[in-house]
Amino acid sequence: MLPMNRRDFLASAAAGAALAPIQGTAAAATSPRAPRAGALPMPPTRDVLPAPLPVDEPGRLLLDKAWLFHQGDIPFPEIIGHGWTYGAAKAGAAQGAAAMDYDDSDWPLVDLPHDWASDMPFDPKANVSQGYRRRGFAWYRRHLRFDEADKGKYLELQFGAIATNATIWFNGSIVAHNWSGYNSVYIDVTPLARFGDEPNTIVVRVDAQQMEGWWYEGAGLYRHAWLVKRPPVHIVSDGVHADPRRAPDGAWTVPVTVTLANVRPQSPPSPEPKRHSTSQSPTPSSGRSRRPTSPPLQSASTQATSASSA
C-alpha cells in the first residue's frame, strides 16, 4: 500500500463525501416538515415577482427642488422701540432673513439632499473627524402655493433630517426647533397655510457647528423634504403601531394601534334645554310651590349624532 500524505487523504475524503448519499435527504425534500411551535408559515414559491406595493401615500409630495440657499449666517436686526417690539412679537412678523418679504433674489438654487460642507475647501486646521471641512451656519428658503382645493385638508412639512441644529419658520412664524441631525422633523402647518395666489414661505436656519459624532456628519438639509396633504380625518404620521406578542403556547398575535386625527372644524355643542319653571305662590293649604316641569327629552337621533361626533 502506497503511503498517503495529509493532502491526498483530505482530497479523497471530500470526494467520498460528495458521492455518498445523505440519509434522509430525499425524504426531507418530499415530505413536509412539522413546523416548530410558534413558527410562521412560509409563503409558497413563485415563478414571477409579486406586484410592487405602493412606496408612499398618494398625498406625500417630494419637496426637493427650488430651495434658495445662503452660505453663512445673517444677523437679525436689533429691534429698538416699543412699536417695533410689539409688532415683531406678532404671529407672522419674523425679522431679517426669516421674514416672508425678505429679498432672496440673489440666492442660488439648490436641490435636496444638500450638504454644504462637502463643497467647502479642505482646511488643514479644521477637524479631521469632519473631513478637514468647516461647517458653520447657512439659511434655506422656499416659496410655494396651495390650491384653493387644499382648504380643509391637513398639511404637514416633513424633513428627513437636518444637520445639525435648526430653526424653522413658516409664513413668518416659528414652527419648530430641532437639536439633532439624526431624526426626522414633522410640522403641522395647517393653521398657517395660505391658498390661491397668496404665497407661502418656508425658512430654515441651520447651525452645523454642533457635532454629535466622531465621523463626517455633513451640514444642512442633507435628506429629502416632503409636503403632505391628507383628508381632514386621517392617520397621523407614524401613527400605525404593531406589537407582535407570543402566547405561552407558542401562538402569535399582532395587536395594531392606529392613531387618527381630525382637523375638520367641530360644530359647537348644542345648548342645554332650558328648564321652564311654573312655580306659583304657595297655597294656603300646602304651603309648598309646585314642582318645576321636567326638561324635554333629547331625541334619539340627536343622541346618536353626539356619540358619533365624540
Protein backbone atom coordinates (compact mmCIF):
# COMPACT_ATOMS: atom_id res chain seq x y z
CA MET A 1 0.00 0.00 0.00
CA LEU A 2 1.41 3.33 -1.03
CA PRO A 3 1.89 5.89 1.69
CA MET A 4 -0.73 8.74 1.69
CA ASN A 5 0.07 12.23 2.77
CA ARG A 6 -2.36 14.55 4.53
CA ARG A 7 -3.36 16.49 1.41
CA ASP A 8 -4.27 13.30 -0.54
CA PHE A 9 -6.23 11.97 2.43
CA LEU A 10 -8.34 15.09 2.73
CA ALA A 11 -8.99 15.20 -1.01
CA SER A 12 -10.15 11.57 -1.08
CA ALA A 13 -12.37 12.10 1.95
CA ALA A 14 -14.04 15.12 0.35
CA ALA A 15 -14.67 13.21 -2.88
CA GLY A 16 -16.23 10.33 -0.97
CA ALA A 17 -18.48 12.65 0.94
CA ALA A 18 -19.67 14.27 -2.28
CA LEU A 19 -20.56 10.91 -3.85
CA ALA A 20 -22.18 9.27 -0.84
CA PRO A 21 -25.93 9.96 -0.48
CA ILE A 22 -27.02 11.60 2.73
CA GLN A 23 -29.52 9.51 4.62
CA GLY A 24 -32.95 11.09 4.74
CA THR A 25 -32.26 13.77 2.10
CA ALA A 26 -34.88 12.52 -0.33
CA ALA A 27 -37.44 12.05 2.39
CA ALA A 28 -36.80 15.52 3.73
CA ALA A 29 -37.22 17.03 0.28
CA THR A 30 -40.55 15.31 -0.41
CA SER A 31 -42.26 15.13 2.98
CA PRO A 32 -43.44 18.30 4.75
CA ARG A 33 -41.64 19.20 7.90
CA ALA A 34 -43.64 19.70 11.05
CA PRO A 35 -43.43 23.39 11.92
CA ARG A 36 -41.88 24.42 15.19
CA ALA A 37 -44.18 25.77 17.84
CA GLY A 38 -44.84 29.39 17.04
CA ALA A 39 -43.17 29.22 13.61
CA LEU A 40 -44.73 31.46 10.96
CA PRO A 41 -45.98 29.74 7.79
CA MET A 42 -43.75 30.22 4.79
CA PRO A 43 -45.30 31.65 1.59
CA PRO A 44 -45.46 29.39 -1.47
CA THR A 45 -42.75 29.63 -4.08
CA ARG A 46 -43.35 31.96 -7.02
CA ASP A 47 -42.31 31.89 -10.65
CA VAL A 48 -42.76 35.66 -11.04
CA LEU A 49 -42.21 38.64 -8.77
CA PRO A 50 -45.27 39.95 -6.92
CA ALA A 51 -46.73 43.30 -7.86
CA PRO A 52 -44.82 46.08 -6.07
CA LEU A 53 -46.54 47.66 -3.11
CA PRO A 54 -47.09 51.44 -3.13
CA VAL A 55 -43.97 53.04 -1.70
CA ASP A 56 -45.71 56.09 -0.31
CA GLU A 57 -49.03 57.67 0.44
CA PRO A 58 -50.60 59.47 -2.56
CA GLY A 59 -50.65 62.89 -0.87
CA ARG A 60 -46.97 62.87 0.10
CA LEU A 61 -45.21 65.14 -2.40
CA LEU A 62 -41.44 65.42 -2.72
CA LEU A 63 -40.20 68.93 -1.95
CA ASP A 64 -36.56 68.63 -3.03
CA LYS A 65 -36.46 71.23 -5.84
CA ALA A 66 -36.17 75.03 -5.91
CA TRP A 67 -34.64 75.72 -2.50
CA LEU A 68 -32.80 79.03 -2.18
CA PHE A 69 -29.53 78.82 -0.25
CA HIS A 70 -27.27 81.29 1.55
CA GLN A 71 -23.89 80.19 2.87
CA GLY A 72 -23.06 81.78 6.23
CA ASP A 73 -25.17 83.39 8.92
CA ILE A 74 -27.32 86.52 8.52
CA PRO A 75 -27.65 88.55 11.73
CA PHE A 76 -31.11 89.56 12.84
CA PRO A 77 -31.75 93.31 13.04
CA GLU A 78 -31.63 94.84 16.51
CA ILE A 79 -35.22 95.63 17.43
CA ILE A 80 -35.48 99.07 19.03
CA GLY A 81 -38.54 100.89 20.33
CA HIS A 82 -41.86 99.71 21.72
CA GLY A 83 -43.74 99.86 18.43
CA TRP A 84 -41.25 97.67 16.59
CA THR A 85 -41.00 95.31 19.56
CA TYR A 86 -44.78 94.99 19.73
CA GLY A 87 -45.09 94.34 16.01
CA ALA A 88 -42.25 91.82 15.91
CA ALA A 89 -43.92 89.76 18.63
CA LYS A 90 -46.98 89.12 16.46
CA ALA A 91 -47.57 85.91 14.51
CA GLY A 92 -46.09 86.08 11.03
CA ALA A 93 -43.81 89.03 11.86
CA ALA A 94 -40.43 87.28 11.73
CA GLN A 95 -37.50 89.62 11.17
CA GLY A 96 -34.42 89.54 8.96
CA ALA A 97 -33.89 86.56 6.66
CA ALA A 98 -36.82 84.76 8.29
CA ALA A 99 -39.32 87.40 7.10
CA MET A 100 -41.72 86.49 4.32
CA ASP A 101 -40.78 89.53 2.23
CA TYR A 102 -37.01 89.21 2.66
CA ASP A 103 -35.17 89.80 -0.61
CA ASP A 104 -33.67 86.43 -1.57
CA SER A 105 -33.49 87.13 -5.29
CA ASP A 106 -29.70 86.72 -5.39
CA TRP A 107 -29.62 83.42 -3.51
CA PRO A 108 -28.59 80.43 -5.66
CA LEU A 109 -30.93 77.49 -6.19
CA VAL A 110 -30.05 74.09 -4.71
CA ASP A 111 -31.75 70.70 -4.69
CA LEU A 112 -32.11 68.39 -1.73
CA PRO A 113 -30.47 66.37 -0.30
CA HIS A 114 -27.92 69.16 0.17
CA ASP A 115 -24.71 69.05 2.21
CA TRP A 116 -22.92 72.37 2.02
CA ALA A 117 -19.92 71.09 3.99
CA SER A 118 -19.00 68.80 1.09
CA ASP A 119 -18.46 71.92 -1.06
CA MET A 120 -16.22 73.61 1.49
CA PRO A 121 -12.45 73.70 0.76
CA PHE A 122 -10.12 71.47 2.71
CA ASP A 123 -8.64 73.25 5.71
CA PRO A 124 -5.69 71.56 7.45
CA LYS A 125 -6.65 73.40 10.64
CA ALA A 126 -10.22 72.08 10.60
CA ASN A 127 -11.40 68.99 12.47
CA VAL A 128 -10.03 65.78 10.95
CA SER A 129 -13.16 63.89 12.08
CA GLN A 130 -15.25 66.23 9.92
CA GLY A 131 -13.08 65.71 6.86
CA TYR A 132 -11.00 68.87 7.34
CA ARG A 133 -14.03 70.94 6.27
CA ARG A 134 -15.58 73.90 8.04
CA ARG A 135 -19.32 73.76 8.70
CA GLY A 136 -20.73 76.92 10.27
CA PHE A 137 -24.18 78.36 9.52
CA ALA A 138 -26.46 78.62 6.50
CA TRP A 139 -30.02 79.57 5.51
CA TYR A 140 -32.58 77.93 3.22
CA ARG A 141 -35.76 79.49 1.84
CA ARG A 142 -38.52 78.08 -0.36
CA HIS A 143 -41.73 79.54 -1.76
CA LEU A 144 -44.84 77.52 -2.66
CA ARG A 145 -48.54 77.94 -3.29
CA PHE A 146 -51.54 75.87 -2.23
CA ASP A 147 -54.53 75.38 -4.47
CA GLU A 148 -57.92 76.51 -3.25
CA ALA A 149 -58.93 72.84 -3.28
CA ASP A 150 -56.44 72.23 -0.45
CA LYS A 151 -58.54 74.22 2.00
CA GLY A 152 -59.80 71.97 4.77
CA LYS A 153 -57.00 69.41 4.32
CA TYR A 154 -54.33 68.59 6.83
CA LEU A 155 -50.96 69.99 5.68
CA GLU A 156 -47.61 68.84 7.03
CA LEU A 157 -43.97 69.59 6.26
CA GLN A 158 -41.52 66.73 6.69
CA PHE A 159 -37.73 66.92 6.77
CA GLY A 160 -35.84 63.63 6.67
CA ALA A 161 -33.02 65.15 8.74
CA ILE A 162 -31.20 68.45 9.24
CA ALA A 163 -27.55 68.69 10.34
CA THR A 164 -27.42 69.84 12.97
CA ASN A 165 -29.45 72.42 14.98
CA ALA A 166 -32.27 74.12 13.10
CA THR A 167 -34.96 76.77 13.48
CA ILE A 168 -37.86 76.58 11.03
CA TRP A 169 -40.32 79.34 10.13
CA PHE A 170 -43.49 79.01 8.06
CA ASN A 171 -45.08 82.24 6.82
CA GLY A 172 -43.10 84.31 9.27
CA SER A 173 -43.85 82.25 12.40
CA ILE A 174 -41.50 79.85 14.16
CA VAL A 175 -42.99 76.38 13.86
CA ALA A 176 -40.14 74.12 15.02
CA HIS A 177 -36.75 73.88 16.68
CA ASN A 178 -34.64 70.77 16.17
CA TRP A 179 -31.48 69.81 18.03
CA SER A 180 -30.14 66.71 16.27
CA GLY A 181 -29.10 65.68 12.79
CA TYR A 182 -30.39 62.13 13.23
CA ASN A 183 -34.15 62.46 13.48
CA SER A 184 -36.99 63.43 11.17
CA VAL A 185 -38.98 66.63 11.69
CA TYR A 186 -42.76 66.70 11.15
CA ILE A 187 -44.50 70.08 11.25
CA ASP A 188 -48.24 70.77 11.11
CA VAL A 189 -48.67 73.96 9.04
CA THR A 190 -52.43 73.66 8.55
CA PRO A 191 -53.36 76.73 10.65
CA LEU A 192 -50.80 78.98 8.89
CA ALA A 193 -51.31 77.98 5.25
CA ARG A 194 -52.41 80.49 2.60
CA PHE A 195 -54.30 79.47 -0.52
CA GLY A 196 -54.76 80.62 -4.08
CA ASP A 197 -52.49 83.43 -5.22
CA GLU A 198 -51.08 84.09 -1.75
CA PRO A 199 -47.55 82.67 -1.47
CA ASN A 200 -46.24 80.57 1.42
CA THR A 201 -42.65 80.78 2.61
CA ILE A 202 -40.54 78.13 4.36
CA VAL A 203 -37.34 79.33 6.05
CA VAL A 204 -34.72 77.13 7.75
CA ARG A 205 -31.69 78.46 9.63
CA VAL A 206 -29.12 75.72 10.24
CA ASP A 207 -26.35 75.76 12.84
CA ALA A 208 -23.93 72.99 11.87
CA GLN A 209 -21.24 73.91 14.35
CA GLN A 210 -22.51 71.39 16.86
CA MET A 211 -21.12 67.87 16.47
CA GLU A 212 -22.76 64.62 17.57
CA GLY A 213 -20.26 62.04 16.37
CA TRP A 214 -16.61 61.44 15.65
CA TRP A 215 -17.27 60.91 11.94
CA TYR A 216 -18.07 63.14 8.98
CA GLU A 217 -21.62 64.42 9.56
CA GLY A 218 -22.18 66.97 6.82
CA ALA A 219 -24.25 70.13 7.14
CA GLY A 220 -27.70 71.33 6.07
CA LEU A 221 -30.83 69.70 4.67
CA TYR A 222 -28.95 66.53 3.85
CA ARG A 223 -32.06 64.35 3.41
CA HIS A 224 -35.30 64.66 1.47
CA ALA A 225 -38.19 67.00 2.30
CA TRP A 226 -41.89 66.42 1.65
CA LEU A 227 -45.19 68.24 1.70
CA VAL A 228 -48.02 66.01 2.93
CA LYS A 229 -51.68 66.66 2.11
CA ARG A 230 -54.25 64.50 3.87
CA PRO A 231 -58.03 64.44 4.24
CA PRO A 232 -59.45 66.12 7.35
CA VAL A 233 -59.78 62.73 9.07
CA HIS A 234 -56.51 60.88 8.60
CA ILE A 235 -53.90 58.59 10.12
CA VAL A 236 -51.17 60.69 11.73
CA SER A 237 -47.54 60.35 10.66
CA ASP A 238 -46.03 57.18 12.12
CA GLY A 239 -49.49 56.52 13.56
CA VAL A 240 -49.61 52.74 12.96
CA HIS A 241 -48.01 50.63 15.70
CA ALA A 242 -47.89 46.83 15.54
CA ASP A 243 -46.91 44.94 18.69
CA PRO A 244 -46.34 41.20 18.00
CA ARG A 245 -46.88 39.06 21.09
CA ARG A 246 -46.20 35.40 21.67
CA ALA A 247 -48.55 33.42 23.87
CA PRO A 248 -47.33 30.71 26.28
CA ASP A 249 -48.49 28.02 23.82
CA GLY A 250 -46.25 29.49 21.09
CA ALA A 251 -49.04 31.12 19.06
CA TRP A 252 -48.57 34.70 17.87
CA THR A 253 -50.97 37.64 17.80
CA VAL A 254 -50.27 41.09 16.37
CA PRO A 255 -52.30 43.85 18.02
CA VAL A 256 -52.30 47.00 15.88
CA THR A 257 -52.94 50.51 17.21
CA VAL A 258 -53.82 53.29 14.75
CA THR A 259 -53.87 56.96 15.79
CA LEU A 260 -56.29 59.22 13.92
CA ALA A 261 -56.61 62.99 13.79
CA ASN A 262 -59.36 65.31 12.59
CA VAL A 263 -58.77 68.90 11.51
CA ARG A 264 -62.36 69.49 10.40
CA PRO A 265 -63.95 72.28 12.46
CA GLN A 266 -66.23 70.81 15.07
CA SER A 267 -69.74 72.19 15.37
CA PRO A 268 -70.33 73.87 18.70
CA PRO A 269 -72.25 71.75 21.20
CA SER A 270 -75.95 72.36 21.25
CA PRO A 271 -77.09 74.39 24.27
CA GLU A 272 -78.73 72.53 27.07
CA PRO A 273 -82.51 72.82 27.03
CA LYS A 274 -83.84 75.48 29.31
CA ARG A 275 -85.83 74.47 32.31
CA HIS A 276 -89.18 76.22 32.27
CA SER A 277 -90.38 76.75 35.80
CA THR A 278 -94.09 77.09 36.51
CA SER A 279 -93.75 77.76 40.22
CA GLN A 280 -96.63 79.52 41.85
CA SER A 281 -97.19 81.26 45.11
CA PRO A 282 -97.65 78.88 47.98
CA THR A 283 -101.25 77.87 48.54
CA PRO A 284 -102.67 78.28 51.96
CA SER A 285 -103.48 74.58 52.13
CA SER A 286 -100.00 73.11 51.31
CA GLY A 287 -97.55 75.91 51.91
CA ARG A 288 -95.38 74.48 49.04
CA SER A 289 -94.66 75.66 45.49
CA ARG A 290 -95.47 73.44 42.53
CA ARG A 291 -92.50 71.33 41.24
CA PRO A 292 -90.94 72.67 38.01
CA THR A 293 -91.72 70.74 34.87
CA SER A 294 -89.12 68.24 33.56
CA PRO A 295 -86.95 69.33 30.62
CA PRO A 296 -87.87 67.92 27.22
CA LEU A 297 -86.15 64.65 26.38
CA GLN A 298 -83.41 64.64 23.74
CA SER A 299 -84.37 62.80 20.57
CA ALA A 300 -82.68 59.51 19.76
CA SER A 301 -81.24 60.89 16.51
CA THR A 302 -79.54 63.75 18.32
CA GLN A 303 -78.06 61.35 20.85
CA ALA A 304 -76.62 59.21 18.05
CA THR A 305 -75.11 62.24 16.34
CA SER A 306 -73.46 63.36 19.54
CA ALA A 307 -71.99 59.93 20.13
CA SER A 308 -70.55 59.69 16.63
CA SER A 309 -69.00 63.15 16.72
CA ALA A 310 -67.33 62.41 20.04
